[in-house]
Amino acid sequence: MSTATLTAPEDRGQTPVTSPKRKKPGRVRTVAWHAVILAFIAVLLYPIAWLLGASFKPANEVITSLALLPESPTWQNFVDAVAGIGGTSFGTFLYNSLFIAGGSVIGNVVSCVLAAYAFARLRFKLSKLMFGFMLMTLMLPHHVVLIPQYIIFQNMGMVDTFWPLILPKFLATEAFFVFLMIQFMRGLPRELDEAATIDGCGPLRLFYYIILPLARPALITTAIFTFIWTWNDFFSQLIYLSSPSNYTLPLALRLFIDQTSVSAYGPMFAMSVLTLVPIALFFFAFQRYLVQGLATSGLKG
């Protein structure tokens, strides 16, 4: 706001009086809003900062000190974490996690995009009924189907292998991702299908050359969420995996806590930090596609 100069008619030779500047109310609200957001972000990031600091603390300091920064930093926790536990190295745990997460990503992306294409662009009998049944599975808790699935895989001799964790992903069992892709494909113009059909494209060629390239944001969104959820999954992996050589990183962290002897909290925190690195890299590499996919998947239904 520009300053206003007030001059009396009879006092032309005197020094003009200037009115004081007023602060803009909008600027004050903006500063207050940013302060609240920064405080909220600090609360969310504090556990990660504490975990990072605890990974450098000695064993006695992890239990006795609540300080964010270690008093005597040490790299020994990371050395012990990389060496592994229970006769299994960190590299084995990392390979198992990457194998299961990678297989789940491939299975979910391939099966869900095919199922979504059938519901969104093809016409067949009972399609609405099957679509409604698929949506009903979203409200079905995972624990309800866990016991029947375990019995099936046990009869097939697949318990204590990676197959129970990967094979269901190739059967389009994740209704959430199927629905997300359906909403995205329904937002694509139908004129593309008509033009491709006039040019002689069948349903498969239409899917491969037209729909699949345009659905890349939804595919990457599915890949990111599948990778993160599978990487952090503990319960399903605990049910199906029993051999330490098949353990993933979430299960390996449990080995550092022993109820009958001394628990190695320092190496456990160090391995937790190493476990977060692949997720962070994967997310930051594809986050712009994630935002695009979530923003455009629900425009039309």
Protein backbone atom coordinates (compact mmCIF):
# COMPACT_ATOMS: atom_id res chain seq x y z
CA MET A 1 0.00 0.00 0.00
CA SER A 2 1.50 3.32 -1.04
CA THR A 3 1.93 6.02 1.64
CA ALA A 4 -0.43 8.95 1.50
CA THR A 5 0.93 12.49 1.99
CA LEU A 6 -1.33 14.90 3.89
CA THR A 7 -0.59 18.65 3.57
CA ALA A 8 -2.67 21.40 5.13
CA PRO A 9 -3.53 24.35 2.80
CA GLU A 10 -2.35 26.99 5.29
CA ASP A 11 0.92 25.22 6.11
CA ARG A 12 2.50 24.92 2.68
CA GLY A 13 6.02 25.42 3.95
CA GLN A 14 5.87 22.87 6.77
CA THR A 15 7.05 19.26 6.59
CA PRO A 16 4.32 16.99 5.20
CA VAL A 17 2.79 14.43 7.55
CA THR A 18 2.86 10.81 6.32
CA SER A 19 0.38 8.20 7.51
CA PRO A 20 1.87 4.99 8.97
CA LYS A 21 1.98 1.84 6.82
CA ARG A 22 -0.62 -0.80 7.55
CA LYS A 23 0.12 -4.51 7.33
CA LYS A 24 -1.92 -6.43 4.84
CA PRO A 25 -4.28 -8.87 6.58
CA GLY A 26 -3.84 -11.36 3.77
CA ARG A 27 -0.07 -11.48 4.29
CA VAL A 28 -0.49 -12.17 8.02
CA ARG A 29 -2.86 -15.03 7.29
CA THR A 30 -0.44 -16.45 4.75
CA VAL A 31 2.45 -16.40 7.22
CA ALA A 32 0.29 -18.01 9.92
CA TRP A 33 -0.91 -20.68 7.52
CA HIS A 34 2.65 -21.53 6.47
CA ALA A 35 3.71 -21.72 10.11
CA VAL A 36 0.93 -24.21 10.85
CA ILE A 37 1.88 -26.31 7.81
CA LEU A 38 5.56 -26.31 8.81
CA ALA A 39 4.67 -27.37 12.35
CA PHE A 40 2.49 -30.18 10.99
CA ILE A 41 5.29 -31.35 8.67
CA ALA A 42 7.74 -31.28 11.59
CA VAL A 43 5.44 -33.56 13.58
CA LEU A 44 5.21 -36.00 10.66
CA LEU A 45 8.94 -36.03 9.98
CA TYR A 46 10.04 -36.27 13.61
CA PRO A 47 9.78 -40.11 13.80
CA ILE A 48 11.94 -40.44 10.68
CA ALA A 49 14.49 -37.99 12.08
CA TRP A 50 14.54 -39.86 15.40
CA LEU A 51 14.98 -43.19 13.59
CA LEU A 52 17.89 -41.78 11.60
CA GLY A 53 19.52 -40.45 14.77
CA ALA A 54 18.93 -43.68 16.70
CA SER A 55 20.61 -45.69 13.95
CA PHE A 56 23.91 -43.99 14.87
CA LYS A 57 23.55 -44.42 18.65
CA PRO A 58 25.48 -47.06 20.62
CA ALA A 59 23.48 -49.84 22.27
CA ASN A 60 23.46 -48.25 25.74
CA GLU A 61 22.49 -44.83 24.41
CA VAL A 62 19.49 -46.12 22.43
CA ILE A 63 17.69 -47.10 25.63
CA THR A 64 18.87 -44.39 28.02
CA SER A 65 18.78 -41.28 25.80
CA LEU A 66 15.74 -39.67 24.20
CA ALA A 67 17.79 -37.03 22.40
CA LEU A 68 17.30 -36.63 18.69
CA LEU A 69 21.05 -36.55 17.90
CA PRO A 70 23.48 -39.19 19.20
CA GLU A 71 26.14 -38.15 21.70
CA SER A 72 28.66 -40.73 20.43
CA PRO A 73 27.83 -41.51 16.77
CA THR A 74 28.95 -44.89 15.47
CA TRP A 75 28.76 -46.74 12.15
CA GLN A 76 28.87 -50.15 13.84
CA ASN A 77 25.08 -50.47 13.72
CA PHE A 78 25.11 -50.31 9.92
CA VAL A 79 28.00 -52.78 9.78
CA ASP A 80 26.04 -55.24 11.91
CA ALA A 81 22.86 -54.63 9.89
CA VAL A 82 24.60 -55.35 6.56
CA ALA A 83 26.19 -58.47 8.07
CA GLY A 84 22.68 -59.78 8.73
CA ILE A 85 21.28 -61.94 11.49
CA GLY A 86 20.46 -65.59 11.99
CA GLY A 87 23.03 -66.68 9.42
CA THR A 88 21.33 -64.69 6.65
CA SER A 89 22.87 -61.56 5.19
CA PHE A 90 21.17 -58.25 4.48
CA GLY A 91 21.64 -58.88 0.75
CA THR A 92 19.46 -62.00 0.96
CA PHE A 93 16.69 -60.14 2.75
CA LEU A 94 16.94 -57.32 0.21
CA TYR A 95 16.79 -59.74 -2.73
CA ASN A 96 13.72 -61.49 -1.31
CA SER A 97 11.92 -58.18 -0.81
CA LEU A 98 12.80 -56.94 -4.30
CA PHE A 99 11.76 -60.24 -5.88
CA ILE A 100 8.36 -60.30 -4.17
CA ALA A 101 7.71 -56.58 -4.70
CA GLY A 102 8.83 -56.70 -8.35
CA GLY A 103 6.73 -59.78 -9.10
CA SER A 104 3.73 -58.20 -7.42
CA VAL A 105 4.13 -55.01 -9.45
CA ILE A 106 4.31 -56.92 -12.74
CA GLY A 107 1.35 -59.13 -11.83
CA ASN A 108 -0.85 -56.29 -10.63
CA VAL A 109 -0.13 -54.01 -13.57
CA VAL A 110 -0.67 -56.69 -16.23
CA SER A 111 -3.76 -58.34 -14.76
CA CYS A 112 -5.50 -55.17 -13.55
CA VAL A 113 -5.08 -53.29 -16.83
CA LEU A 114 -6.53 -56.22 -18.78
CA ALA A 115 -9.51 -56.52 -16.43
CA ALA A 116 -10.05 -52.75 -16.47
CA TYR A 117 -9.97 -52.66 -20.29
CA ALA A 118 -12.63 -55.37 -20.45
CA PHE A 119 -14.96 -53.52 -18.07
CA ALA A 120 -14.34 -50.03 -19.46
CA ARG A 121 -14.26 -50.52 -23.24
CA LEU A 122 -15.76 -53.92 -24.13
CA ARG A 123 -19.39 -55.00 -24.09
CA PHE A 124 -20.26 -58.51 -22.92
CA LYS A 125 -23.02 -60.26 -21.02
CA LEU A 126 -23.27 -59.81 -17.25
CA SER A 127 -20.60 -57.11 -17.35
CA LYS A 128 -22.51 -54.85 -14.93
CA LEU A 129 -23.16 -57.73 -12.56
CA MET A 130 -19.51 -58.77 -12.58
CA PHE A 131 -18.43 -55.16 -12.12
CA GLY A 132 -20.69 -54.82 -9.08
CA PHE A 133 -19.36 -58.08 -7.67
CA MET A 134 -15.82 -56.78 -8.11
CA LEU A 135 -16.68 -53.60 -6.21
CA MET A 136 -18.13 -55.69 -3.39
CA THR A 137 -14.73 -57.31 -2.87
CA LEU A 138 -13.39 -53.87 -1.89
CA MET A 139 -15.45 -54.12 1.30
CA LEU A 140 -14.25 -57.66 2.05
CA PRO A 141 -11.53 -57.73 4.74
CA HIS A 142 -8.30 -59.42 3.80
CA HIS A 143 -8.43 -61.64 6.91
CA VAL A 144 -11.69 -63.25 5.71
CA VAL A 145 -10.03 -64.84 2.67
CA LEU A 146 -6.66 -65.46 4.31
CA ILE A 147 -7.50 -68.87 5.81
CA PRO A 148 -9.07 -70.31 2.60
CA GLN A 149 -6.12 -69.03 0.58
CA TYR A 150 -3.65 -70.57 3.04
CA ILE A 151 -5.39 -73.96 2.81
CA ILE A 152 -5.31 -73.81 -1.00
CA PHE A 153 -1.61 -72.96 -1.15
CA GLN A 154 -0.81 -75.56 1.51
CA ASN A 155 -2.52 -78.25 -0.53
CA MET A 156 -0.54 -77.11 -3.56
CA GLY A 157 2.74 -77.30 -1.60
CA MET A 158 3.50 -73.60 -2.01
CA VAL A 159 3.75 -72.59 1.67
CA ASP A 160 7.19 -71.23 2.61
CA THR A 161 7.74 -70.07 -0.97
CA PHE A 162 7.23 -66.76 -2.72
CA TRP A 163 4.35 -68.01 -4.88
CA PRO A 164 1.48 -67.34 -2.41
CA LEU A 165 2.59 -63.69 -2.29
CA ILE A 166 3.02 -63.22 -6.05
CA LEU A 167 0.59 -65.59 -7.81
CA PRO A 168 -2.65 -63.87 -6.65
CA LYS A 169 -1.40 -60.60 -8.17
CA PHE A 170 -1.60 -62.15 -11.65
CA LEU A 171 -5.31 -62.89 -11.15
CA ALA A 172 -6.49 -59.27 -10.79
CA THR A 173 -7.42 -59.75 -7.14
CA GLU A 174 -6.72 -56.09 -6.28
CA ALA A 175 -10.12 -54.54 -7.00
CA PHE A 176 -8.92 -51.08 -5.98
CA PHE A 177 -6.43 -50.88 -8.85
CA VAL A 178 -8.91 -52.36 -11.31
CA PHE A 179 -11.44 -49.69 -10.36
CA LEU A 180 -8.80 -46.94 -10.61
CA MET A 181 -7.88 -48.00 -14.15
CA ILE A 182 -11.53 -48.35 -15.16
CA GLN A 183 -12.20 -44.76 -14.13
CA PHE A 184 -9.15 -43.60 -16.07
CA MET A 185 -10.09 -45.48 -19.24
CA ARG A 186 -13.66 -44.24 -19.10
CA GLY A 187 -12.29 -40.72 -19.31
CA LEU A 188 -10.65 -41.44 -22.68
CA PRO A 189 -12.71 -40.34 -25.72
CA ARG A 190 -14.73 -43.09 -27.41
CA GLU A 191 -13.86 -41.52 -30.76
CA LEU A 192 -10.42 -43.11 -30.45
CA ASP A 193 -11.99 -46.56 -30.43
CA GLU A 194 -14.21 -45.74 -33.39
CA ALA A 195 -11.33 -44.36 -35.45
CA ALA A 196 -9.14 -47.36 -34.65
CA THR A 197 -11.96 -49.76 -35.54
CA ILE A 198 -12.46 -48.02 -38.90
CA ASP A 199 -8.73 -48.45 -39.56
CA GLY A 200 -9.09 -52.19 -38.98
CA CYS A 201 -7.93 -52.55 -35.36
CA GLY A 202 -9.43 -55.35 -33.32
CA PRO A 203 -9.87 -55.29 -29.55
CA LEU A 204 -6.30 -56.49 -28.87
CA ARG A 205 -4.63 -54.04 -31.24
CA LEU A 206 -6.86 -51.24 -29.95
CA PHE A 207 -5.74 -52.07 -26.42
CA TYR A 208 -2.05 -52.31 -27.27
CA TYR A 209 -1.67 -49.31 -29.59
CA ILE A 210 -4.30 -46.87 -28.26
CA ILE A 211 -5.44 -47.55 -24.69
CA LEU A 212 -2.23 -48.85 -23.15
CA PRO A 213 -0.01 -45.85 -24.06
CA LEU A 214 -2.65 -43.38 -22.87
CA ALA A 215 -3.11 -45.25 -19.58
CA ARG A 216 0.52 -44.83 -18.54
CA PRO A 217 -0.25 -42.51 -15.57
CA ALA A 218 -2.71 -45.04 -14.13
CA LEU A 219 -0.24 -47.88 -14.71
CA ILE A 220 2.55 -46.05 -12.90
CA THR A 221 0.19 -45.15 -10.03
CA THR A 222 -0.68 -48.84 -9.68
CA ALA A 223 2.99 -49.80 -9.79
CA ILE A 224 3.97 -47.29 -7.10
CA PHE A 225 1.24 -48.26 -4.64
CA THR A 226 1.76 -51.98 -5.26
CA PHE A 227 5.49 -51.68 -4.65
CA ILE A 228 5.07 -49.67 -1.43
CA TRP A 229 2.29 -51.85 -0.01
CA THR A 230 4.08 -55.10 -0.84
CA TRP A 231 7.41 -53.81 0.46
CA ASN A 232 5.86 -52.85 3.81
CA ASP A 233 3.68 -55.95 4.08
CA PHE A 234 4.39 -57.89 7.23
CA PHE A 235 1.34 -59.97 8.05
CA SER A 236 1.01 -61.93 4.79
CA GLN A 237 4.73 -62.61 4.62
CA LEU A 238 4.71 -63.77 8.24
CA ILE A 239 1.91 -66.25 7.46
CA TYR A 240 3.46 -67.82 4.35
CA LEU A 241 7.22 -67.59 4.99
CA SER A 242 8.82 -69.64 7.76
CA SER A 243 12.45 -70.16 6.70
CA PRO A 244 14.88 -67.33 7.57
CA SER A 245 16.47 -67.67 4.13
CA ASN A 246 13.11 -66.66 2.60
CA TYR A 247 12.51 -63.75 4.97
CA THR A 248 12.02 -60.25 3.61
CA LEU A 249 13.26 -57.06 5.26
CA PRO A 250 10.13 -56.52 7.42
CA LEU A 251 10.46 -60.05 8.80
CA ALA A 252 14.22 -59.65 9.25
CA LEU A 253 13.68 -56.65 11.51
CA ARG A 254 11.74 -58.88 13.90
CA LEU A 255 14.78 -61.12 14.35
CA PHE A 256 16.68 -58.34 16.14
CA ILE A 257 14.17 -58.42 19.02
CA ASP A 258 14.70 -61.41 21.30
CA GLN A 259 12.55 -61.87 24.39
CA THR A 260 15.05 -64.23 26.07
CA SER A 261 18.30 -62.30 25.50
CA VAL A 262 19.59 -58.83 24.70
CA SER A 263 17.80 -57.15 21.78
CA ALA A 264 19.97 -55.42 19.17
CA TYR A 265 18.05 -52.16 18.76
CA GLY A 266 20.90 -50.27 17.11
CA PRO A 267 21.29 -52.66 14.13
CA MET A 268 17.51 -52.92 13.91
CA PHE A 269 17.19 -49.15 13.52
CA ALA A 270 20.05 -49.13 11.03
CA MET A 271 18.36 -51.83 8.92
CA SER A 272 15.10 -49.87 9.15
CA VAL A 273 16.85 -46.87 7.61
CA LEU A 274 18.26 -49.06 4.83
CA THR A 275 14.80 -50.51 4.27
CA LEU A 276 13.35 -47.04 3.63
CA VAL A 277 15.87 -46.17 0.91
CA PRO A 278 14.36 -48.26 -1.96
CA ILE A 279 10.86 -46.95 -1.21
CA ALA A 280 12.04 -43.35 -1.20
CA LEU A 281 13.96 -43.76 -4.47
CA PHE A 282 11.05 -45.53 -6.15
CA PHE A 283 8.59 -42.86 -5.03
CA PHE A 284 10.67 -39.83 -6.00
CA ALA A 285 11.47 -41.35 -9.40
CA PHE A 286 7.77 -41.67 -10.34
CA GLN A 287 5.98 -39.14 -8.14
CA ARG A 288 5.01 -36.82 -11.02
CA TYR A 289 3.22 -39.73 -12.72
CA LEU A 290 1.56 -40.58 -9.40
CA VAL A 291 0.05 -37.10 -9.08
CA GLN A 292 -1.07 -37.14 -12.70
CA GLY A 293 -2.65 -40.56 -12.38
CA LEU A 294 -4.57 -39.71 -9.21
CA ALA A 295 -5.72 -36.37 -10.66
CA THR A 296 -7.13 -37.84 -13.87
CA SER A 297 -8.42 -41.25 -12.74
CA GLY A 298 -11.71 -39.93 -11.36
CA LEU A 299 -12.71 -37.27 -13.87
CA LYS A 300 -15.38 -39.35 -15.56
CA GLY A 301 -17.26 -42.41 -14.39
